[in-house]
Amino acid sequence: MNNVARLIENLPQIPDGMHEFARLLRESLRDLAPIIGVVGFFQIVVLRQPFPDFANVVFGLAAVIVGLALFIRGLEIGLFPIGESMAGAFAKKGNVWWLMAFAFALGFGTTIAEPALIAVTGEAAEIKLAATQTDPTSNVSNQQAEAAYALGLRLTVAISVGVSLVIGVLRIMLGWPIQWFIITGYFLIVALTQFAPREIIGIAYDSGGVTTSTITVPLVTALGIGLSTVIKGRNPLIDGFGLIAFASLTPILFVLVYGMVV
């Protein structure tokens, strides 16, 4: 028994980082378990069919689990700390204009790079062009029109998120209640919906959802928490959250106006 115990003690120790990564893998699998169960139930029990190309399905699922674990770890050690520290540094610097510029640039930069927004605007431009195309032989001009429409939508949404963060930062600094901004914003959305072209309404409402995706949410949340932590008299739990609501609301307004103008 002593020899066995000595052998176990001499085994190489698993690094703490591996334990942490294994924990993240378990949590990712736990988070994905409901959707795995739903897909498996309907595929096997309801449709009564085997999974097509089962090996690729398993490989893809494993890649998603590992990717989600790495993404969460990256947020914890990278995006959240740098977002909070930069927000706090700008607040301590005391220059409101630089803080506003940082908020706008952060909202614009993160949104313009959102993969979900790129996909949605590209699809919307393609369908828009197909519905209004009059000359099927002019492929170059049609492609240019599609690219211009998609870029216009992306820029509109990105600018709207930048504006929303500026408003949100002002709200945190001045301690304004968030509910009045949200109520007023959605009242304007309902009003503009009555006048906007029908083909832009669905795109506008979806734009509010695709902006709050993998890139934007972590940095925007870190910005709000960092500011409310540094500014005296602000509560991170009460004042630090809510910027995502602005980032979801203003794109709907801006895209509705974009549809009415363009």
Protein backbone atom coordinates (compact mmCIF):
# COMPACT_ATOMS: atom_id res chain seq x y z
CA MET A 1 0.00 0.00 0.00
CA ASN A 2 2.84 2.38 0.79
CA ASN A 3 4.32 1.77 -2.65
CA VAL A 4 0.95 2.57 -4.30
CA ALA A 5 0.55 5.76 -2.27
CA ARG A 6 4.11 6.80 -3.13
CA LEU A 7 3.43 6.11 -6.82
CA ILE A 8 0.29 8.28 -6.75
CA GLU A 9 2.18 11.12 -5.07
CA ASN A 10 4.84 10.99 -7.76
CA LEU A 11 2.33 11.31 -10.60
CA PRO A 12 2.50 14.67 -12.39
CA GLN A 13 0.00 17.15 -10.98
CA ILE A 14 -2.73 18.58 -13.18
CA PRO A 15 -2.22 22.35 -13.52
CA ASP A 16 -4.84 24.61 -11.97
CA GLY A 17 -5.59 26.04 -15.40
CA MET A 18 -6.65 22.60 -16.64
CA HIS A 19 -9.01 22.23 -13.69
CA GLU A 20 -10.50 25.62 -14.54
CA PHE A 21 -10.89 24.71 -18.22
CA ALA A 22 -12.50 21.39 -17.29
CA ARG A 23 -14.98 23.31 -15.13
CA LEU A 24 -15.81 25.60 -18.05
CA LEU A 25 -16.32 22.58 -20.32
CA ARG A 26 -18.74 21.06 -17.81
CA GLU A 27 -20.64 24.33 -17.54
CA SER A 28 -20.80 24.69 -21.32
CA LEU A 29 -22.15 21.15 -21.65
CA ARG A 30 -24.71 21.88 -18.95
CA ASP A 31 -25.83 25.06 -20.70
CA LEU A 32 -26.16 23.29 -24.04
CA ALA A 33 -27.88 20.21 -22.59
CA PRO A 34 -31.46 21.58 -23.02
CA ILE A 35 -31.08 22.32 -26.73
CA ILE A 36 -29.28 19.00 -27.27
CA GLY A 37 -32.18 17.24 -25.55
CA VAL A 38 -34.79 19.10 -27.62
CA VAL A 39 -33.09 18.37 -30.95
CA GLY A 40 -32.47 14.75 -30.01
CA PHE A 41 -36.05 14.20 -28.84
CA PHE A 42 -37.67 15.59 -32.00
CA GLN A 43 -35.18 13.91 -34.32
CA ILE A 44 -35.40 10.44 -32.76
CA VAL A 45 -38.83 10.28 -31.08
CA VAL A 46 -41.00 12.55 -33.24
CA LEU A 47 -39.39 12.31 -36.69
CA ARG A 48 -38.10 8.76 -36.02
CA GLN A 49 -35.03 9.35 -38.13
CA PRO A 50 -31.31 8.94 -37.40
CA PHE A 51 -29.07 11.98 -37.38
CA PRO A 52 -27.68 12.66 -40.84
CA ASP A 53 -23.88 12.40 -40.87
CA PHE A 54 -23.76 11.57 -37.16
CA ALA A 55 -19.96 11.85 -36.92
CA ASN A 56 -20.01 15.46 -38.13
CA VAL A 57 -22.85 16.27 -35.73
CA VAL A 58 -20.84 14.94 -32.78
CA PHE A 59 -17.69 16.76 -33.92
CA GLY A 60 -19.62 20.00 -34.38
CA LEU A 61 -21.19 19.68 -30.95
CA ALA A 62 -17.78 19.11 -29.36
CA ALA A 63 -16.41 22.15 -31.19
CA VAL A 64 -19.31 24.28 -29.93
CA ILE A 65 -18.74 23.14 -26.33
CA VAL A 66 -15.01 23.88 -26.48
CA GLY A 67 -15.59 27.17 -28.29
CA LEU A 68 -18.16 28.32 -25.75
CA ALA A 69 -15.82 27.46 -22.88
CA LEU A 70 -12.96 29.40 -24.51
CA PHE A 71 -15.26 32.34 -25.26
CA ILE A 72 -16.47 32.55 -21.65
CA ARG A 73 -12.91 32.31 -20.36
CA GLY A 74 -11.85 35.03 -22.77
CA LEU A 75 -14.58 37.31 -21.46
CA GLU A 76 -13.52 36.70 -17.86
CA ILE A 77 -9.81 37.36 -18.36
CA GLY A 78 -9.89 39.86 -21.21
CA LEU A 79 -12.93 41.81 -22.33
CA PHE A 80 -14.63 42.44 -18.99
CA PRO A 81 -11.50 43.66 -17.16
CA ILE A 82 -10.31 45.93 -19.97
CA GLY A 83 -13.78 47.37 -20.52
CA GLU A 84 -14.22 48.16 -16.84
CA SER A 85 -10.71 49.58 -16.44
CA MET A 86 -11.00 51.85 -19.49
CA ALA A 87 -14.42 53.13 -18.40
CA GLY A 88 -13.08 53.81 -14.93
CA ALA A 89 -9.97 55.54 -16.28
CA PHE A 90 -12.03 57.87 -18.49
CA ALA A 91 -14.36 58.67 -15.59
CA LYS A 92 -11.43 59.47 -13.29
CA LYS A 93 -9.84 61.61 -16.00
CA GLY A 94 -12.82 63.93 -15.63
CA ASN A 95 -13.15 64.79 -19.32
CA VAL A 96 -16.78 64.22 -20.26
CA TRP A 97 -16.17 64.70 -23.98
CA TRP A 98 -13.53 61.98 -24.13
CA LEU A 99 -15.85 59.69 -22.20
CA MET A 100 -18.68 60.38 -24.66
CA ALA A 101 -16.35 59.79 -27.59
CA PHE A 102 -15.19 56.51 -26.08
CA ALA A 103 -18.79 55.37 -25.50
CA PHE A 104 -19.82 56.21 -29.07
CA ALA A 105 -16.72 54.59 -30.59
CA LEU A 106 -17.21 51.47 -28.47
CA GLY A 107 -20.85 51.12 -29.53
CA PHE A 108 -20.11 51.81 -33.19
CA GLY A 109 -17.02 49.60 -33.39
CA THR A 110 -18.48 46.56 -31.65
CA THR A 111 -21.74 46.71 -33.61
CA ILE A 112 -20.25 47.16 -37.08
CA ALA A 113 -18.26 43.96 -36.46
CA GLU A 114 -21.22 41.89 -35.24
CA PRO A 115 -21.46 38.72 -37.40
CA ALA A 116 -25.22 38.51 -36.79
CA LEU A 117 -25.73 42.07 -38.04
CA ILE A 118 -23.63 41.41 -41.15
CA ALA A 119 -25.71 38.32 -41.92
CA VAL A 120 -29.07 40.01 -41.38
CA THR A 121 -28.28 43.15 -43.37
CA GLY A 122 -26.82 41.11 -46.21
CA GLU A 123 -29.92 38.94 -46.39
CA ALA A 124 -32.22 41.97 -46.18
CA ALA A 125 -30.34 43.70 -49.01
CA GLU A 126 -30.51 40.59 -51.20
CA ILE A 127 -34.27 40.20 -50.72
CA LYS A 128 -34.85 43.93 -51.15
CA LEU A 129 -32.96 43.90 -54.43
CA ALA A 130 -34.78 40.80 -55.69
CA ALA A 131 -38.12 42.43 -54.96
CA THR A 132 -37.30 45.71 -56.72
CA GLN A 133 -34.98 44.54 -59.50
CA THR A 134 -36.12 45.72 -62.93
CA ASP A 135 -33.12 44.93 -65.10
CA PRO A 136 -31.80 41.39 -64.52
CA THR A 137 -28.96 41.90 -67.02
CA SER A 138 -27.25 44.68 -65.05
CA ASN A 139 -25.44 42.38 -62.61
CA VAL A 140 -22.72 44.85 -61.63
CA SER A 141 -25.09 47.66 -60.74
CA ASN A 142 -27.38 45.24 -58.92
CA GLN A 143 -24.50 43.93 -56.82
CA GLN A 144 -23.39 47.46 -56.06
CA ALA A 145 -26.92 48.43 -55.06
CA GLU A 146 -27.16 45.38 -52.79
CA ALA A 147 -23.82 46.14 -51.14
CA ALA A 148 -24.73 49.82 -50.69
CA TYR A 149 -28.09 48.98 -49.10
CA ALA A 150 -26.51 46.44 -46.72
CA LEU A 151 -23.74 48.90 -45.79
CA GLY A 152 -26.31 51.63 -45.20
CA LEU A 153 -28.24 49.37 -42.82
CA ARG A 154 -25.06 48.35 -40.97
CA LEU A 155 -23.89 51.93 -40.56
CA THR A 156 -27.34 53.04 -39.41
CA VAL A 157 -27.47 50.34 -36.74
CA ALA A 158 -23.87 50.93 -35.66
CA ILE A 159 -24.42 54.69 -35.32
CA SER A 160 -27.62 54.07 -33.37
CA VAL A 161 -25.81 51.86 -30.86
CA GLY A 162 -23.09 54.48 -30.48
CA VAL A 163 -25.75 57.11 -29.76
CA SER A 164 -27.48 54.76 -27.33
CA LEU A 165 -24.29 54.32 -25.32
CA VAL A 166 -23.77 58.07 -25.16
CA ILE A 167 -27.30 58.45 -23.76
CA GLY A 168 -26.74 55.54 -21.39
CA VAL A 169 -23.48 56.98 -20.08
CA LEU A 170 -25.15 60.35 -19.49
CA ARG A 171 -27.91 58.56 -17.61
CA ILE A 172 -25.38 56.85 -15.35
CA MET A 173 -23.46 60.08 -14.72
CA LEU A 174 -26.56 62.14 -13.94
CA GLY A 175 -28.53 59.41 -12.15
CA TRP A 176 -31.60 59.62 -14.38
CA PRO A 177 -34.14 56.79 -14.03
CA ILE A 178 -33.94 54.32 -16.89
CA GLN A 179 -37.66 53.55 -17.17
CA TRP A 180 -38.55 56.94 -18.67
CA PHE A 181 -36.04 56.47 -21.48
CA ILE A 182 -37.34 52.99 -22.26
CA ILE A 183 -41.01 54.04 -22.15
CA THR A 184 -40.37 57.08 -24.36
CA GLY A 185 -38.28 55.06 -26.79
CA TYR A 186 -40.85 52.35 -27.36
CA PHE A 187 -43.62 54.94 -27.63
CA LEU A 188 -41.66 56.54 -30.49
CA ILE A 189 -41.13 53.10 -32.06
CA VAL A 190 -44.86 52.38 -32.05
CA ALA A 191 -45.56 55.80 -33.54
CA LEU A 192 -42.95 55.49 -36.30
CA THR A 193 -44.14 51.98 -37.16
CA GLN A 194 -47.40 53.49 -38.41
CA PHE A 195 -45.55 55.55 -41.03
CA ALA A 196 -42.56 53.37 -41.97
CA PRO A 197 -42.61 51.22 -45.14
CA ARG A 198 -43.92 47.73 -44.42
CA GLU A 199 -40.81 46.01 -45.79
CA ILE A 200 -38.51 47.78 -43.30
CA ILE A 201 -40.55 47.15 -40.12
CA GLY A 202 -39.47 43.55 -39.58
CA ILE A 203 -35.84 44.37 -40.37
CA ALA A 204 -35.94 47.26 -37.90
CA TYR A 205 -37.32 45.14 -35.09
CA ASP A 206 -34.79 42.39 -35.74
CA SER A 207 -31.98 44.95 -35.76
CA GLY A 208 -32.57 45.52 -32.08
CA GLY A 209 -31.88 41.86 -31.40
CA VAL A 210 -28.84 41.24 -33.57
CA THR A 211 -26.94 44.17 -32.03
CA THR A 212 -26.98 42.53 -28.59
CA SER A 213 -24.82 39.60 -29.57
CA THR A 214 -21.46 38.05 -28.75
CA ILE A 215 -19.20 41.06 -29.27
CA THR A 216 -21.35 43.97 -28.11
CA VAL A 217 -22.87 42.65 -24.88
CA PRO A 218 -19.68 41.93 -22.90
CA LEU A 219 -18.02 45.27 -23.64
CA VAL A 220 -21.18 47.33 -23.17
CA THR A 221 -21.90 45.61 -19.86
CA ALA A 222 -18.32 46.19 -18.73
CA LEU A 223 -18.64 49.87 -19.65
CA GLY A 224 -21.74 50.35 -17.52
CA ILE A 225 -20.37 48.45 -14.52
CA GLY A 226 -17.01 50.22 -14.72
CA LEU A 227 -18.60 53.68 -14.80
CA SER A 228 -21.06 53.02 -11.98
CA THR A 229 -18.25 51.58 -9.84
CA VAL A 230 -16.03 54.66 -10.19
CA ILE A 231 -18.63 57.46 -10.13
CA LYS A 232 -19.46 58.44 -6.58
CA GLY A 233 -23.04 57.79 -5.51
CA ARG A 234 -23.75 55.20 -8.20
CA ASN A 235 -24.65 51.58 -7.51
CA PRO A 236 -23.23 49.05 -10.01
CA LEU A 237 -26.27 46.81 -9.59
CA ILE A 238 -28.82 49.60 -10.08
CA ASP A 239 -26.97 51.94 -12.43
CA GLY A 240 -24.42 49.64 -14.08
CA PHE A 241 -26.91 47.59 -16.04
CA GLY A 242 -29.41 48.82 -18.60
CA LEU A 243 -27.09 49.88 -21.42
CA ILE A 244 -28.04 46.75 -23.35
CA ALA A 245 -31.66 47.92 -23.31
CA PHE A 246 -30.61 51.16 -25.02
CA ALA A 247 -28.54 49.20 -27.53
CA SER A 248 -31.63 47.14 -28.38
CA LEU A 249 -34.02 50.08 -28.58
CA THR A 250 -32.28 52.76 -30.63
CA PRO A 251 -31.51 50.54 -33.67
CA ILE A 252 -35.25 50.00 -34.17
CA LEU A 253 -35.83 53.76 -34.19
CA PHE A 254 -32.93 54.49 -36.53
CA VAL A 255 -33.75 51.72 -39.02
CA LEU A 256 -37.41 52.78 -39.17
CA VAL A 257 -36.27 56.31 -40.03
CA TYR A 258 -33.72 54.87 -42.48
CA GLY A 259 -36.52 53.01 -44.26
CA MET A 260 -38.66 56.14 -44.43
CA VAL A 261 -35.83 58.25 -45.83
CA VAL A 262 -34.01 55.81 -48.10
